[in-house]
Each structure stands twice: as C-alpha cells, then as structure tokens.
C-alpha cells in the first residue's frame, strides 16, 4: 500500500543533525553507496555553512527522522574540474536540479518510503519552479533505481553508456507525482 504523502515531512539539516547523519553513514547500506562518512559529513557541513549551494534536508515519516535528501544545482556543478570527471553534467540543461537521497535505517528499506519521499520532494521542487529534475544513482543499485522509477524518473537514453557507474534519470512530469 502506498505511503500517504501527509505522513512525510521535510526540514533543513542543521549542525545538530550531524551526529544522526554520522550514525546512518556508518551503516552498511550507506557505506556501499556513499563515500567515506567523515568526508560526506564535511560536504554536508559546507552546505549548512553556505560554502556549497546544495541544500541538505532530513525527511521524516510520521514525525521521526527517516532519512536524508538533498537538492543540488546542475549549473553550480559545471566547473571544468567537475565536468572533466563527470562529462555528462555538461549535457544536462541549464537550470536543472539534481536530487540524492538515502533511507536512514536499514529496516526501512524496501517499504516504499524512498519512492514516496521522492514523489513528495519532486512536488515541492516543482512548486518552487523547477522543471527539470534529475537523479544519478549507481546503475548497480537496483533497489534505488526501481524506487526512482516508481517515483516517475526515467533513464536519459542519450546518456546511456556514457556516465560511468551512474544511471542518469530525469523526472517525467506527472509520473507518480503528488502535489503539495
């Protein structure tokens, strides 16, 4: 049964949330797909302190912190050193935003939470005026790729085979979407 969007909430990450995130980042399901926890926490601290335009958020389910989601601005990530490492970024449209998310606790995996949260977050991004929303999971992360497809994301065919380990997917407006 799908998760009622009314059960989902979002709030910006603050410095006080870093220990919670550190604990999640040490779990096997995070370690497999994210970088070294202290490095990742450093990136999030940069976001919180305004040195990175990426917006970090916690999402809640029934009022309890259930995971992490962030929105990043493609245009802010098209510098020469970043595009040299990830050339596909140069092919994304100006003004596009990207999202990343991870479920906090392993016992919450495969329960439809990721898809539901992503649908609700996309609705918020669309309400903010964003029309092109992408996500770039590791192509081997089948669980995430399936969740993102349920949330309305589809692979960008013109980038197939040219993005290393990443599967670049774009949200198709109206597919799986809920309105805020």
Protein backbone atom coordinates (compact mmCIF):
# COMPACT_ATOMS: atom_id res chain seq x y z
CA UNK A 1 0.00 0.00 0.00
CA UNK A 2 1.44 3.41 -0.95
CA UNK A 3 2.54 5.74 1.81
CA UNK A 4 0.22 8.70 2.37
CA UNK A 5 2.16 11.89 1.49
CA UNK A 6 0.67 13.53 4.59
CA UNK A 7 2.93 11.24 6.67
CA UNK A 8 6.08 12.73 5.09
CA UNK A 9 7.80 15.92 6.21
CA UNK A 10 10.99 17.79 5.32
CA UNK A 11 13.26 20.06 7.32
CA UNK A 12 16.66 21.59 6.57
CA UNK A 13 19.66 19.85 8.07
CA UNK A 14 21.40 21.78 10.85
CA UNK A 15 24.68 21.27 12.67
CA UNK A 16 22.85 19.46 15.47
CA UNK A 17 21.82 16.78 12.93
CA UNK A 18 25.38 15.79 12.02
CA UNK A 19 25.66 13.08 14.72
CA UNK A 20 22.43 11.45 13.44
CA UNK A 21 23.78 11.53 9.88
CA UNK A 22 27.15 10.19 11.06
CA UNK A 23 25.42 7.20 12.62
CA UNK A 24 23.45 6.47 9.47
CA UNK A 25 26.56 6.85 7.31
CA UNK A 26 28.32 4.11 9.26
CA UNK A 27 25.66 1.51 8.37
CA UNK A 28 26.34 -0.99 5.56
CA UNK A 29 23.57 0.24 3.26
CA UNK A 30 25.01 3.78 3.35
CA UNK A 31 28.67 2.75 3.16
CA UNK A 32 28.01 0.77 0.00
CA UNK A 33 26.71 3.76 -2.00
CA UNK A 34 28.10 6.86 -0.29
CA UNK A 35 31.69 7.94 0.31
CA UNK A 36 33.70 7.91 3.49
CA UNK A 37 31.44 9.16 6.34
CA UNK A 38 33.75 11.93 7.56
CA UNK A 39 34.23 13.23 4.01
CA UNK A 40 30.47 13.17 3.35
CA UNK A 41 29.80 14.94 6.67
CA UNK A 42 32.33 17.59 5.63
CA UNK A 43 30.38 18.17 2.43
CA UNK A 44 27.14 18.50 4.39
CA UNK A 45 28.79 20.90 6.83
CA UNK A 46 29.86 23.00 3.83
CA UNK A 47 26.22 23.04 2.69
CA UNK A 48 24.95 24.04 6.13
CA UNK A 49 27.55 26.81 6.42
CA UNK A 50 26.86 28.16 2.91
CA UNK A 51 30.08 27.10 1.15
CA UNK A 52 28.11 24.79 -1.17
CA UNK A 53 24.79 25.63 -2.82
CA UNK A 54 23.47 22.10 -2.34
CA UNK A 55 20.51 22.09 0.07
CA UNK A 56 20.58 19.27 2.66
CA UNK A 57 17.29 18.07 4.15
CA UNK A 58 16.10 15.42 6.54
CA UNK A 59 12.85 13.74 5.73
CA UNK A 60 10.51 12.47 8.36
CA UNK A 61 7.90 9.76 8.39
CA UNK A 62 5.18 10.16 11.00
CA UNK A 63 7.37 12.77 12.71
CA UNK A 64 10.53 10.66 13.11
CA UNK A 65 13.70 11.30 11.14
CA UNK A 66 13.72 8.62 8.44
CA UNK A 67 16.43 9.71 6.01
CA UNK A 68 18.41 12.30 4.11
CA UNK A 69 17.65 14.07 0.83
CA UNK A 70 19.46 16.89 -0.94
CA UNK A 71 18.91 19.07 -3.98
CA UNK A 72 21.91 20.26 -5.98
CA UNK A 73 22.06 22.78 -8.79
CA UNK A 74 23.46 21.44 -12.05
CA UNK A 75 24.74 24.86 -13.16
CA UNK A 76 26.78 25.16 -9.95
CA UNK A 77 28.43 21.82 -10.75
CA UNK A 78 29.59 22.54 -14.30
CA UNK A 79 33.05 23.77 -13.39
CA UNK A 80 35.86 22.39 -15.57
CA UNK A 81 37.26 20.03 -12.91
CA UNK A 82 33.84 18.54 -12.14
CA UNK A 83 32.83 18.17 -15.81
CA UNK A 84 36.21 16.59 -16.55
CA UNK A 85 35.36 13.88 -14.01
CA UNK A 86 31.65 13.67 -14.92
CA UNK A 87 31.28 14.82 -18.56
CA UNK A 88 27.54 14.04 -18.61
CA UNK A 89 26.98 17.09 -16.38
CA UNK A 90 27.84 19.28 -19.34
CA UNK A 91 24.96 17.73 -21.29
CA UNK A 92 22.27 18.48 -18.72
CA UNK A 93 20.10 21.52 -19.38
CA UNK A 94 20.79 24.84 -17.74
CA UNK A 95 18.60 25.31 -14.69
CA UNK A 96 18.23 21.60 -13.96
CA UNK A 97 18.45 20.36 -10.39
CA UNK A 98 19.58 17.01 -9.09
CA UNK A 99 18.45 15.09 -6.05
CA UNK A 100 20.06 12.41 -3.91
CA UNK A 101 18.53 10.51 -1.05
CA UNK A 102 19.13 7.68 1.35
CA UNK A 103 16.92 5.93 3.84
CA UNK A 104 18.26 6.29 7.38
CA UNK A 105 17.68 2.89 8.92
CA UNK A 106 18.24 -0.41 7.14
CA UNK A 107 14.95 -1.82 8.45
CA UNK A 108 13.13 0.91 6.50
CA UNK A 109 14.48 -0.28 3.14
CA UNK A 110 12.12 -1.83 0.57
CA UNK A 111 8.98 -0.43 2.24
CA UNK A 112 8.11 2.20 -0.38
CA UNK A 113 9.50 5.06 1.70
CA UNK A 114 12.09 6.18 -0.86
CA UNK A 115 9.58 6.39 -3.71
CA UNK A 116 7.02 8.21 -1.58
CA UNK A 117 9.56 10.69 -0.24
CA UNK A 118 10.95 11.34 -3.69
CA UNK A 119 7.47 11.96 -5.13
CA UNK A 120 6.72 14.44 -2.34
CA UNK A 121 10.10 16.17 -2.72
CA UNK A 122 9.70 16.46 -6.50
CA UNK A 123 6.31 18.07 -5.91
CA UNK A 124 8.00 20.64 -3.65
CA UNK A 125 10.71 21.30 -6.24
CA UNK A 126 8.11 21.75 -8.98
CA UNK A 127 6.19 24.15 -6.71
CA UNK A 128 9.46 26.13 -6.45
CA UNK A 129 9.54 26.35 -10.26
CA UNK A 130 11.99 23.60 -11.14
CA UNK A 131 11.03 21.88 -14.36
CA UNK A 132 13.98 19.55 -14.96
CA UNK A 133 14.89 17.27 -12.09
CA UNK A 134 17.50 14.52 -12.37
CA UNK A 135 18.88 11.81 -10.16
CA UNK A 136 22.07 9.82 -10.68
CA UNK A 137 22.08 6.52 -8.79
CA UNK A 138 24.79 3.93 -9.22
CA UNK A 139 23.46 1.70 -12.00
CA UNK A 140 24.18 -1.36 -9.83
CA UNK A 141 21.91 -0.06 -7.05
CA UNK A 142 18.84 -1.87 -8.33
CA UNK A 143 16.75 -1.09 -5.25
CA UNK A 144 17.27 2.66 -5.69
CA UNK A 145 16.75 2.56 -9.46
CA UNK A 146 13.42 0.74 -9.02
CA UNK A 147 12.32 3.21 -6.33
CA UNK A 148 13.20 6.15 -8.56
CA UNK A 149 11.26 4.64 -11.47
CA UNK A 150 8.23 4.27 -9.20
CA UNK A 151 8.62 7.95 -8.33
CA UNK A 152 8.46 8.94 -12.01
CA UNK A 153 12.13 9.05 -13.05
CA UNK A 154 13.21 7.58 -16.38
CA UNK A 155 16.72 6.95 -17.75
CA UNK A 156 18.02 9.55 -20.19
CA UNK A 157 18.62 7.42 -23.28
CA UNK A 158 21.06 9.87 -24.90
CA UNK A 159 23.45 9.41 -21.94
CA UNK A 160 23.26 5.61 -21.78
CA UNK A 161 26.69 4.03 -21.58
CA UNK A 162 28.47 7.38 -21.19
CA UNK A 163 28.14 8.09 -17.48
CA UNK A 164 30.44 5.60 -15.81
CA UNK A 165 28.72 3.90 -12.89
CA UNK A 166 25.87 6.42 -12.76
CA UNK A 167 22.45 5.94 -14.32
CA UNK A 168 21.18 9.41 -15.17
CA UNK A 169 17.41 9.62 -14.79
CA UNK A 170 15.05 12.55 -15.29
CA UNK A 171 11.68 13.05 -13.68
CA UNK A 172 8.79 12.88 -16.11
CA UNK A 173 6.25 15.48 -15.03
CA UNK A 174 3.07 13.89 -13.75
CA UNK A 175 4.56 10.40 -13.45
CA UNK A 176 3.99 9.20 -9.90
CA UNK A 177 3.85 12.77 -8.68
CA UNK A 178 1.86 14.14 -5.74
CA UNK A 179 1.03 17.81 -5.27
CA UNK A 180 1.93 19.64 -2.04
